[in-house]
Amino acid sequence: MANPDQKTIIIDNAYQEIKNICISLQKDTDASNLEIKNLLKLIMNEWEEKEEQKTGFGFR
């Protein structure tokens, strides 16, 4: 990837930030990988529901 576009850079940065938040959460709370994955799934479900309510369309 010689010249990543701005969207790719933003997505990569967001991924790294979310990953760091999850790692910090695990260190602070001793949460398991499964608990973190479940939390992320819950967040995604909420986000999808709000997006669907706002636009009438979902991500799926």
Protein backbone atom coordinates (compact mmCIF):
# COMPACT_ATOMS: atom_id res chain seq x y z
CA MET A 1 0.00 0.00 0.00
CA ALA A 2 2.18 2.80 -1.32
CA ASN A 3 -0.39 5.63 -1.23
CA PRO A 4 -3.28 4.88 1.11
CA ASP A 5 -6.22 7.21 0.65
CA GLN A 6 -7.63 9.29 3.49
CA LYS A 7 -10.48 6.83 4.20
CA THR A 8 -8.02 3.97 4.68
CA ILE A 9 -5.91 6.08 7.04
CA ILE A 10 -8.96 7.06 9.11
CA ILE A 11 -10.15 3.44 9.33
CA ASP A 12 -6.69 2.25 10.35
CA ASN A 13 -6.43 4.95 13.02
CA ALA A 14 -9.90 4.15 14.38
CA TYR A 15 -9.01 0.44 14.52
CA GLN A 16 -5.85 1.19 16.50
CA GLU A 17 -7.71 3.48 18.91
CA ILE A 18 -10.47 0.90 19.52
CA LYS A 19 -7.85 -1.82 20.01
CA ASN A 20 -5.99 0.34 22.56
CA ILE A 21 -9.23 1.09 24.42
CA CYS A 22 -10.03 -2.63 24.58
CA ILE A 23 -6.54 -3.50 25.83
CA SER A 24 -6.77 -0.80 28.52
CA LEU A 25 -10.22 -2.03 29.54
CA GLN A 26 -8.90 -5.58 29.88
CA LYS A 27 -5.97 -4.42 32.00
CA ASP A 28 -8.18 -2.25 34.23
CA THR A 29 -11.01 -4.76 34.73
CA ASP A 30 -9.43 -8.19 34.11
CA ALA A 31 -12.12 -8.77 31.46
CA SER A 32 -11.66 -11.81 29.24
CA ASN A 33 -11.36 -11.70 25.46
CA LEU A 34 -14.89 -13.08 25.23
CA GLU A 35 -16.25 -10.32 27.46
CA ILE A 36 -14.57 -7.66 25.30
CA LYS A 37 -15.90 -9.25 22.11
CA ASN A 38 -19.41 -9.36 23.57
CA LEU A 39 -19.15 -5.70 24.57
CA LEU A 40 -18.05 -4.74 21.05
CA LYS A 41 -20.94 -6.73 19.57
CA LEU A 42 -23.37 -4.93 21.88
CA ILE A 43 -21.98 -1.57 20.81
CA MET A 44 -22.25 -2.51 17.12
CA ASN A 45 -25.85 -3.69 17.56
CA GLU A 46 -26.79 -0.41 19.26
CA TRP A 47 -25.03 1.58 16.54
CA GLU A 48 -26.77 -0.37 13.77
CA GLU A 49 -30.18 0.10 15.42
CA LYS A 50 -29.67 3.85 15.77
CA GLU A 51 -28.40 4.12 12.19
CA GLU A 52 -31.38 2.14 10.93
CA GLN A 53 -33.80 4.36 12.87
CA LYS A 54 -32.11 7.48 11.51
CA THR A 55 -31.95 6.43 7.85
CA GLY A 56 -34.38 3.55 7.51
CA PHE A 57 -31.47 1.38 6.31
CA GLY A 58 -29.14 -0.95 8.18
CA PHE A 59 -25.63 -2.10 7.43
CA ARG A 60 -26.71 -5.61 6.49
